Amino acid sequence: MNGRLESVLAAIDADRLKRTLLELVDIYSPSGKEEDIQLYLEELLGRAGYAVERQEVEEDRYNLRVAMGGKEPQLYLVGHVDTVPAWDLEEFGAKEEGSVIHGLGSADMKGGCAAMVEAWLALTAALPESERPPVGLLLVVGEEENGDGSASFLKSCRAPWAVIGEPTGLAACFSHYGYLEAGFVTHGLRSHSSLPELGHNAVESMLRVLLHLGRNPLFNREQSEIVYSIREMRSSRKGFVVPDRCEAWIDLHLPPDRDPAALEQAIRRIVSGAERQIAGLDLSVDFDFASAGYNLGLDNPLARTLGEIYPRLGLPMALDSFRSHSDGNLFFAAGWKPLILGPGALEISHTPEERVEFAEVLAAARIYAALCLGIE
């Protein structure tokens, strides 16, 4: 691999990579409205001589897929092109400050997408067709909503490995947290707001339920391994009344070895006890989405390649477990082995402070190229 890797690393063009990243961040592509960015990427890859396959997800929404190497890919570089909605439609675009690039999606995960495209272009430029590795590049839609892009792809394609460029600060995540979404609904009795004693306030019931949950050791943030976040709470908007309905959604992330089904049962047991403490409680609980975590271990060709490329690039190699939900859960459930590795920081993703160090994006392109060559 050494001779070919040197040629590929030399072909990685930092100026081209930065230009690609800036242009990607400047294209607004929230989930459901990804066509403009896919047209841009399709044209970019087409100029490199590839016939880019569109994989329809729904009308005007499609994944892009390309492959090299002359046989079925053994590894896919996977990036999602969609973002969460902009905080400010006048301020979402790219902004350079020294070595840092700010903007919606810069870390999650247009930095990873740009690095994957650059690795692909470098492999194409440096190697004759007969020497290119059997790998694919997949650019999907819909990850920030329900993963419908990856779900569509996984219906018809299977490969041993995927590298997904979520922001990990270049830490290699061979393990991944599981995810459980809990939905709570409390019901009450509507009355005029000036006469609350005649009604039953569903919001007050919900607050008491959430406090009851929070007192359980399972949700002690200082001691429990379970990561939970009350994502949303809303009630009926019926004017000057005591609300008769309240809904809340909780995101739960659990370590790779924890079973989402067991956590669901534990939550049901906890809230069943709330009925004895909250007068008049009328509560329903649903778990609409669950995804198991995984741990791939380190005895595999990707881990060995990373052990060689990080010192070669003068980078410390860090290992971690990816703490959020991602398309990696979907790939693993479909029988793949997904490594999560990309530039940027998860903690500032989905915030107005989102940014990425360009040096990390450049390093990611080199790492992705090495992983492609190391899979053979």
Protein backbone atom coordinates (compact mmCIF):
# COMPACT_ATOMS: atom_id res chain seq x y z
CA MET A 1 0.00 0.00 0.00
CA ASN A 2 2.88 2.39 0.74
CA GLY A 3 3.75 3.40 -2.83
CA ARG A 4 0.15 3.89 -3.85
CA LEU A 5 -0.67 5.71 -0.64
CA GLU A 6 2.15 8.19 -1.18
CA SER A 7 0.84 8.92 -4.66
CA VAL A 8 -2.72 9.39 -3.41
CA LEU A 9 -1.70 11.60 -0.49
CA ALA A 10 0.30 13.76 -2.89
CA ALA A 11 -2.80 14.10 -5.09
CA ILE A 12 -4.95 15.51 -2.29
CA ASP A 13 -5.38 19.18 -3.16
CA ALA A 14 -5.91 21.38 -0.09
CA ASP A 15 -7.09 24.37 -2.15
CA ARG A 16 -9.63 22.27 -4.03
CA LEU A 17 -10.82 20.71 -0.76
CA LYS A 18 -11.34 24.09 0.89
CA ARG A 19 -13.20 25.36 -2.15
CA THR A 20 -15.47 22.31 -2.12
CA LEU A 21 -16.19 22.71 1.58
CA LEU A 22 -16.98 26.40 1.31
CA GLU A 23 -19.31 25.79 -1.60
CA LEU A 24 -21.07 22.93 0.21
CA VAL A 25 -21.66 25.07 3.29
CA ASP A 26 -22.98 27.90 1.12
CA ILE A 27 -25.69 25.62 -0.33
CA TYR A 28 -28.68 25.50 2.00
CA SER A 29 -29.71 21.84 2.29
CA PRO A 30 -32.01 21.13 5.24
CA SER A 31 -33.60 17.69 5.37
CA GLY A 32 -36.18 17.40 2.61
CA LYS A 33 -34.56 20.11 0.44
CA GLU A 34 -31.31 18.49 -0.65
CA GLU A 35 -31.63 18.69 -4.44
CA ASP A 36 -29.40 21.76 -4.93
CA ILE A 37 -26.47 20.24 -3.07
CA GLN A 38 -26.88 16.89 -4.82
CA LEU A 39 -26.83 18.62 -8.21
CA TYR A 40 -23.59 20.35 -7.21
CA LEU A 41 -21.96 17.09 -6.06
CA GLU A 42 -23.22 15.17 -9.09
CA GLU A 43 -21.60 17.69 -11.41
CA LEU A 44 -18.35 17.69 -9.39
CA LEU A 45 -18.03 13.90 -9.49
CA GLY A 46 -19.11 13.79 -13.12
CA ARG A 47 -16.19 16.03 -14.06
CA ALA A 48 -13.89 13.35 -12.60
CA GLY A 49 -15.21 10.91 -15.17
CA TYR A 50 -17.69 8.97 -13.05
CA ALA A 51 -21.19 7.97 -14.03
CA VAL A 52 -23.02 9.03 -10.88
CA GLU A 53 -26.02 6.92 -9.96
CA ARG A 54 -29.07 8.65 -8.56
CA GLN A 55 -31.00 6.53 -6.10
CA GLU A 56 -34.49 7.91 -5.67
CA VAL A 57 -35.76 8.26 -2.11
CA GLU A 58 -38.87 10.26 -3.00
CA GLU A 59 -39.78 12.83 -5.63
CA ASP A 60 -36.92 15.34 -6.09
CA ARG A 61 -34.90 13.63 -3.35
CA TYR A 62 -32.20 11.12 -4.11
CA ASN A 63 -28.91 9.68 -2.91
CA LEU A 64 -25.77 9.76 -5.06
CA ARG A 65 -23.59 6.68 -5.46
CA VAL A 66 -20.36 6.05 -7.35
CA ALA A 67 -17.99 3.09 -7.27
CA MET A 68 -14.46 2.26 -8.39
CA GLY A 69 -12.23 -0.78 -8.48
CA GLY A 70 -13.95 -3.00 -11.01
CA LYS A 71 -15.76 -5.23 -8.51
CA GLU A 72 -18.28 -4.98 -5.70
CA PRO A 73 -17.19 -2.39 -3.14
CA GLN A 74 -15.79 -3.75 0.10
CA LEU A 75 -16.13 -0.36 1.80
CA TYR A 76 -18.31 2.70 1.33
CA LEU A 77 -17.46 6.24 2.35
CA VAL A 78 -20.82 7.55 3.56
CA GLY A 79 -21.79 11.17 4.10
CA HIS A 80 -25.13 12.85 4.64
CA VAL A 81 -25.64 16.11 2.77
CA ASP A 82 -28.61 17.41 4.76
CA THR A 83 -28.51 19.69 7.78
CA VAL A 84 -30.91 20.82 10.48
CA PRO A 85 -32.87 23.98 9.53
CA ALA A 86 -30.95 27.25 9.66
CA TRP A 87 -31.10 29.38 12.79
CA ASP A 88 -30.93 32.45 10.56
CA LEU A 89 -31.47 32.22 6.80
CA GLU A 90 -29.22 35.25 6.28
CA GLU A 91 -26.33 33.83 8.31
CA PHE A 92 -26.20 30.10 7.54
CA GLY A 93 -23.43 30.25 4.91
CA ALA A 94 -19.69 29.74 5.09
CA LYS A 95 -17.42 32.19 6.85
CA GLU A 96 -13.64 31.84 7.14
CA GLU A 97 -11.79 33.04 10.22
CA GLY A 98 -8.15 32.07 9.91
CA SER A 99 -7.99 28.29 9.80
CA VAL A 100 -11.61 27.85 10.94
CA ILE A 101 -14.68 27.56 8.71
CA HIS A 102 -17.98 28.52 10.29
CA GLY A 103 -21.46 27.78 9.00
CA LEU A 104 -24.43 25.48 9.14
CA GLY A 105 -23.32 21.92 8.43
CA SER A 106 -19.60 22.74 8.49
CA ALA A 107 -19.08 20.01 11.10
CA ASP A 108 -22.24 17.94 10.69
CA MET A 109 -21.31 16.85 8.20
CA LYS A 110 -20.27 18.83 5.17
CA GLY A 111 -16.67 18.77 6.43
CA GLY A 112 -16.80 14.98 6.29
CA CYS A 113 -18.52 15.01 2.88
CA ALA A 114 -15.94 17.38 1.40
CA ALA A 115 -13.08 15.24 2.76
CA MET A 116 -14.62 12.08 1.29
CA VAL A 117 -15.09 13.68 -2.11
CA GLU A 118 -11.48 14.93 -2.05
CA ALA A 119 -10.19 11.46 -1.11
CA TRP A 120 -12.21 10.08 -4.03
CA LEU A 121 -10.82 12.62 -6.47
CA ALA A 122 -7.26 11.95 -5.27
CA LEU A 123 -7.65 8.19 -5.68
CA THR A 124 -8.96 8.79 -9.19
CA ALA A 125 -6.13 11.17 -10.14
CA ALA A 126 -3.26 9.17 -8.65
CA LEU A 127 -4.14 5.61 -9.63
CA PRO A 128 -4.86 3.99 -12.97
CA GLU A 129 -8.22 2.31 -13.12
CA SER A 130 -6.73 -1.16 -12.68
CA GLU A 131 -5.08 -0.17 -9.37
CA ARG A 132 -8.03 1.53 -7.73
CA PRO A 133 -9.47 -0.17 -4.65
CA PRO A 134 -12.97 -1.71 -4.64
CA VAL A 135 -14.75 1.08 -2.76
CA GLY A 136 -17.85 3.21 -3.11
CA LEU A 137 -18.90 6.74 -2.24
CA LEU A 138 -22.43 7.31 -0.99
CA LEU A 139 -23.93 10.74 -0.36
CA VAL A 140 -27.31 10.40 1.31
CA VAL A 141 -30.26 12.62 2.17
CA GLY A 142 -32.47 12.70 5.24
CA GLU A 143 -30.11 11.72 8.05
CA GLU A 144 -31.14 14.62 10.28
CA GLU A 145 -34.78 13.53 10.15
CA ASN A 146 -35.45 9.81 9.87
CA GLY A 147 -32.55 8.35 7.91
CA ASP A 148 -34.72 7.68 4.85
CA GLY A 149 -31.79 8.11 2.45
CA SER A 150 -29.68 5.42 4.07
CA ALA A 151 -32.74 3.21 4.60
CA SER A 152 -33.45 3.33 0.85
CA PHE A 153 -29.85 2.50 -0.01
CA LEU A 154 -29.69 -0.40 2.44
CA LYS A 155 -32.65 -2.13 0.79
CA SER A 156 -30.56 -2.96 -2.26
CA CYS A 157 -26.88 -2.86 -1.28
CA ARG A 158 -24.60 -4.70 1.11
CA ALA A 159 -20.87 -4.37 1.76
CA PRO A 160 -18.69 -5.41 4.71
CA TRP A 161 -17.62 -1.93 5.80
CA ALA A 162 -18.79 1.67 5.89
CA VAL A 163 -16.93 4.77 7.09
CA ILE A 164 -19.40 7.47 8.12
CA GLY A 165 -17.99 10.98 8.45
CA GLU A 166 -19.94 12.26 11.47
CA PRO A 167 -18.03 14.80 13.59
CA THR A 168 -15.78 12.92 16.03
CA GLY A 169 -12.75 15.23 16.14
CA LEU A 170 -11.02 12.49 14.08
CA ALA A 171 -11.48 9.97 16.92
CA ALA A 172 -12.15 6.49 15.55
CA CYS A 173 -15.49 5.24 16.86
CA PHE A 174 -15.70 1.50 16.38
CA SER A 175 -18.47 1.48 18.98
CA HIS A 176 -21.72 3.39 18.92
CA TYR A 177 -24.42 4.26 21.43
CA GLY A 178 -27.94 2.98 20.99
CA TYR A 179 -30.97 5.24 20.85
CA LEU A 180 -34.52 5.22 22.19
CA GLU A 181 -37.20 7.86 21.64
CA ALA A 182 -39.86 8.09 24.35
CA GLY A 183 -43.14 9.95 23.85
CA PHE A 184 -45.32 10.91 26.82
CA VAL A 185 -48.88 12.24 26.74
CA THR A 186 -50.82 13.45 29.77
CA HIS A 187 -54.55 14.10 29.61
CA GLY A 188 -56.49 16.50 31.82
CA LEU A 189 -59.76 18.37 31.98
CA ARG A 190 -60.16 21.76 30.31
CA SER A 191 -61.59 24.67 32.24
CA HIS A 192 -61.39 28.45 32.16
CA SER A 193 -57.94 29.65 33.22
CA SER A 194 -59.42 31.71 36.06
CA LEU A 195 -61.05 28.60 37.51
CA PRO A 196 -58.27 25.99 37.55
CA GLU A 197 -59.95 24.11 40.41
CA LEU A 198 -62.66 23.04 37.96
CA GLY A 199 -60.17 21.43 35.58
CA HIS A 200 -57.14 19.21 35.62
CA ASN A 201 -53.96 20.74 34.20
CA ALA A 202 -52.20 18.31 31.83
CA VAL A 203 -49.03 20.45 31.81
CA GLU A 204 -48.73 20.26 35.59
CA SER A 205 -49.18 16.49 35.37
CA MET A 206 -46.44 16.27 32.76
CA LEU A 207 -44.02 18.34 34.82
CA ARG A 208 -44.62 16.06 37.80
CA VAL A 209 -44.03 12.98 35.62
CA LEU A 210 -40.75 14.40 34.33
CA LEU A 211 -39.62 15.26 37.86
CA HIS A 212 -40.53 11.74 38.94
CA LEU A 213 -38.37 10.32 36.16
CA GLY A 214 -35.51 12.65 36.99
CA ARG A 215 -35.40 11.46 40.60
CA ASN A 216 -34.77 7.86 39.53
CA PRO A 217 -31.09 6.75 39.65
CA LEU A 218 -31.40 5.67 36.01
CA PHE A 219 -31.56 9.37 35.06
CA ASN A 220 -28.92 10.69 37.45
CA ARG A 221 -26.58 12.49 35.05
CA GLU A 222 -23.65 12.23 37.44
CA GLN A 223 -23.91 8.47 37.90
CA SER A 224 -25.94 6.85 35.14
CA GLU A 225 -24.57 5.83 31.75
CA ILE A 226 -27.88 6.74 30.14
CA VAL A 227 -27.83 10.09 28.33
CA TYR A 228 -31.25 11.69 28.20
CA SER A 229 -32.59 14.99 26.94
CA ILE A 230 -36.11 16.37 27.12
CA ARG A 231 -36.31 17.45 23.50
CA GLU A 232 -39.74 18.99 23.29
CA MET A 233 -42.88 19.67 25.30
CA ARG A 234 -46.10 21.25 24.10
CA SER A 235 -49.73 21.58 25.09
CA SER A 236 -52.97 22.55 23.40
CA ARG A 237 -53.19 26.18 22.30
CA LYS A 238 -56.78 26.94 23.10
CA GLY A 239 -56.55 30.40 24.59
CA PHE A 240 -57.27 31.33 28.17
CA VAL A 241 -57.86 27.77 29.44
CA VAL A 242 -56.41 25.07 31.65
CA PRO A 243 -54.78 22.71 29.08
CA ASP A 244 -56.29 19.25 28.78
CA ARG A 245 -53.39 17.65 26.90
CA CYS A 246 -49.59 17.83 27.04
CA GLU A 247 -46.99 15.97 24.98
CA ALA A 248 -43.28 15.51 25.70
CA TRP A 249 -40.51 13.72 23.83
CA ILE A 250 -37.32 12.45 25.40
CA ASP A 251 -34.18 11.37 23.53
CA LEU A 252 -32.27 8.59 25.26
CA HIS A 253 -28.78 7.49 24.24
CA LEU A 254 -27.46 4.34 25.83
CA PRO A 255 -24.04 2.63 25.84
CA PRO A 256 -23.36 0.01 23.17
CA ASP A 257 -23.99 -2.93 25.50
CA ARG A 258 -27.36 -1.68 26.81
CA ASP A 259 -30.54 -3.10 25.29
CA PRO A 260 -33.11 -0.45 24.24
CA ALA A 261 -35.94 -2.90 24.95
CA ALA A 262 -34.74 -3.35 28.54
CA LEU A 263 -34.56 0.43 28.99
CA GLU A 264 -38.08 0.77 27.63
CA GLN A 265 -39.37 -1.70 30.21
CA ALA A 266 -37.49 0.11 32.99
CA ILE A 267 -39.09 3.43 32.01
CA ARG A 268 -42.54 1.85 31.95
CA ARG A 269 -41.98 0.52 35.48
CA ILE A 270 -40.81 3.93 36.70
CA VAL A 271 -43.77 5.87 35.30
CA SER A 272 -46.24 3.26 36.53
CA GLY A 273 -45.15 4.27 40.02
CA ALA A 274 -45.96 7.90 39.26
CA GLU A 275 -49.68 7.10 39.18
CA ARG A 276 -49.57 6.44 42.92
CA GLN A 277 -48.02 9.84 43.61
CA ILE A 278 -49.69 12.21 41.12
CA ALA A 279 -53.39 12.70 41.72
CA GLY A 280 -55.62 12.20 38.71
CA LEU A 281 -52.75 11.24 36.39
CA ASP A 282 -53.83 10.06 32.95
CA LEU A 283 -50.62 9.13 31.14
CA SER A 284 -49.74 7.19 28.02
CA VAL A 285 -46.19 6.30 26.97
CA ASP A 286 -45.02 5.23 23.52
CA PHE A 287 -41.63 4.26 22.16
CA ASP A 288 -41.82 4.92 18.44
CA PHE A 289 -38.16 4.42 17.57
CA ALA A 290 -35.39 2.27 19.00
CA SER A 291 -31.97 1.39 17.66
CA ALA A 292 -29.38 -0.85 19.27
CA GLY A 293 -25.77 0.23 19.70
CA TYR A 294 -22.76 -1.86 18.74
CA ASN A 295 -19.09 -2.51 19.37
CA LEU A 296 -16.98 -3.76 16.44
CA GLY A 297 -13.77 -4.24 18.41
CA LEU A 298 -10.32 -3.44 17.08
CA ASP A 299 -9.28 -6.71 15.44
CA ASN A 300 -10.05 -5.63 11.89
CA PRO A 301 -8.31 -4.16 8.82
CA LEU A 302 -9.62 -0.63 9.36
CA ALA A 303 -8.19 -0.42 12.87
CA ARG A 304 -4.85 -1.71 11.59
CA THR A 305 -4.80 0.87 8.79
CA LEU A 306 -5.57 3.66 11.24
CA GLY A 307 -2.75 2.45 13.47
CA GLU A 308 -0.38 3.06 10.55
CA ILE A 309 -1.80 6.27 9.06
CA TYR A 310 -2.18 8.38 12.20
CA PRO A 311 1.53 8.30 13.15
CA ARG A 312 2.39 8.85 9.51
CA LEU A 313 0.32 12.05 9.53
CA GLY A 314 1.74 13.12 12.89
CA LEU A 315 -1.66 12.76 14.57
CA PRO A 316 -2.54 11.15 17.90
CA MET A 317 -4.95 8.27 17.44
CA ALA A 318 -7.95 8.47 19.74
CA LEU A 319 -10.65 5.84 20.16
CA ASP A 320 -14.15 6.65 21.33
CA SER A 321 -17.76 5.53 21.30
CA PHE A 322 -20.07 7.69 19.18
CA ARG A 323 -22.62 9.07 21.62
CA SER A 324 -25.36 10.28 19.30
CA HIS A 325 -27.76 8.49 16.99
CA SER A 326 -26.62 8.29 13.36
CA ASP A 327 -27.04 6.32 10.17
CA GLY A 328 -24.38 4.03 11.64
CA ASN A 329 -27.12 2.36 13.69
CA LEU A 330 -29.06 1.65 10.49
CA PHE A 331 -26.01 0.25 8.70
CA PHE A 332 -25.15 -2.02 11.62
CA ALA A 333 -28.73 -3.32 11.83
CA ALA A 334 -28.49 -4.15 8.11
CA GLY A 335 -25.39 -6.30 8.66
CA TRP A 336 -22.62 -3.78 7.91
CA LYS A 337 -19.64 -2.80 10.05
CA PRO A 338 -19.79 1.02 10.34
CA LEU A 339 -16.84 3.06 11.58
CA ILE A 340 -17.77 6.61 12.61
CA LEU A 341 -14.91 9.04 11.98
CA GLY A 342 -14.90 12.63 10.81
CA PRO A 343 -13.73 16.20 11.36
CA GLY A 344 -15.46 18.62 13.70
CA ALA A 345 -17.03 18.45 17.14
CA LEU A 346 -20.41 16.93 17.96
CA GLU A 347 -20.99 19.32 20.87
CA ILE A 348 -21.24 22.41 18.63
CA SER A 349 -23.18 20.73 15.84
CA HIS A 350 -26.81 21.86 15.50
CA THR A 351 -25.91 25.19 17.13
CA PRO A 352 -25.24 28.71 15.79
CA GLU A 353 -21.58 28.21 16.82
CA GLU A 354 -21.01 25.32 14.41
CA ARG A 355 -17.53 25.36 12.86
CA VAL A 356 -14.69 23.09 11.77
CA GLU A 357 -10.93 23.41 11.69
CA PHE A 358 -9.81 23.10 8.08
CA ALA A 359 -6.71 21.15 9.20
CA GLU A 360 -9.04 18.44 10.51
CA VAL A 361 -10.92 18.30 7.21
CA LEU A 362 -7.63 17.94 5.32
CA ALA A 363 -6.45 15.21 7.70
CA ALA A 364 -9.79 13.43 7.27
CA ALA A 365 -9.34 13.34 3.49
CA ARG A 366 -5.96 11.66 3.96
CA ILE A 367 -7.35 9.19 6.48
CA TYR A 368 -10.27 8.27 4.22
CA ALA A 369 -7.89 7.66 1.31
CA ALA A 370 -5.74 5.38 3.46
CA LEU A 371 -8.82 3.44 4.64
CA CYS A 372 -9.90 2.91 1.03
CA LEU A 373 -6.48 1.48 0.15
CA GLY A 374 -6.29 -0.61 3.32
CA ILE A 375 -9.53 -2.50 2.76
CA GLU A 376 -8.17 -4.74 -0.02
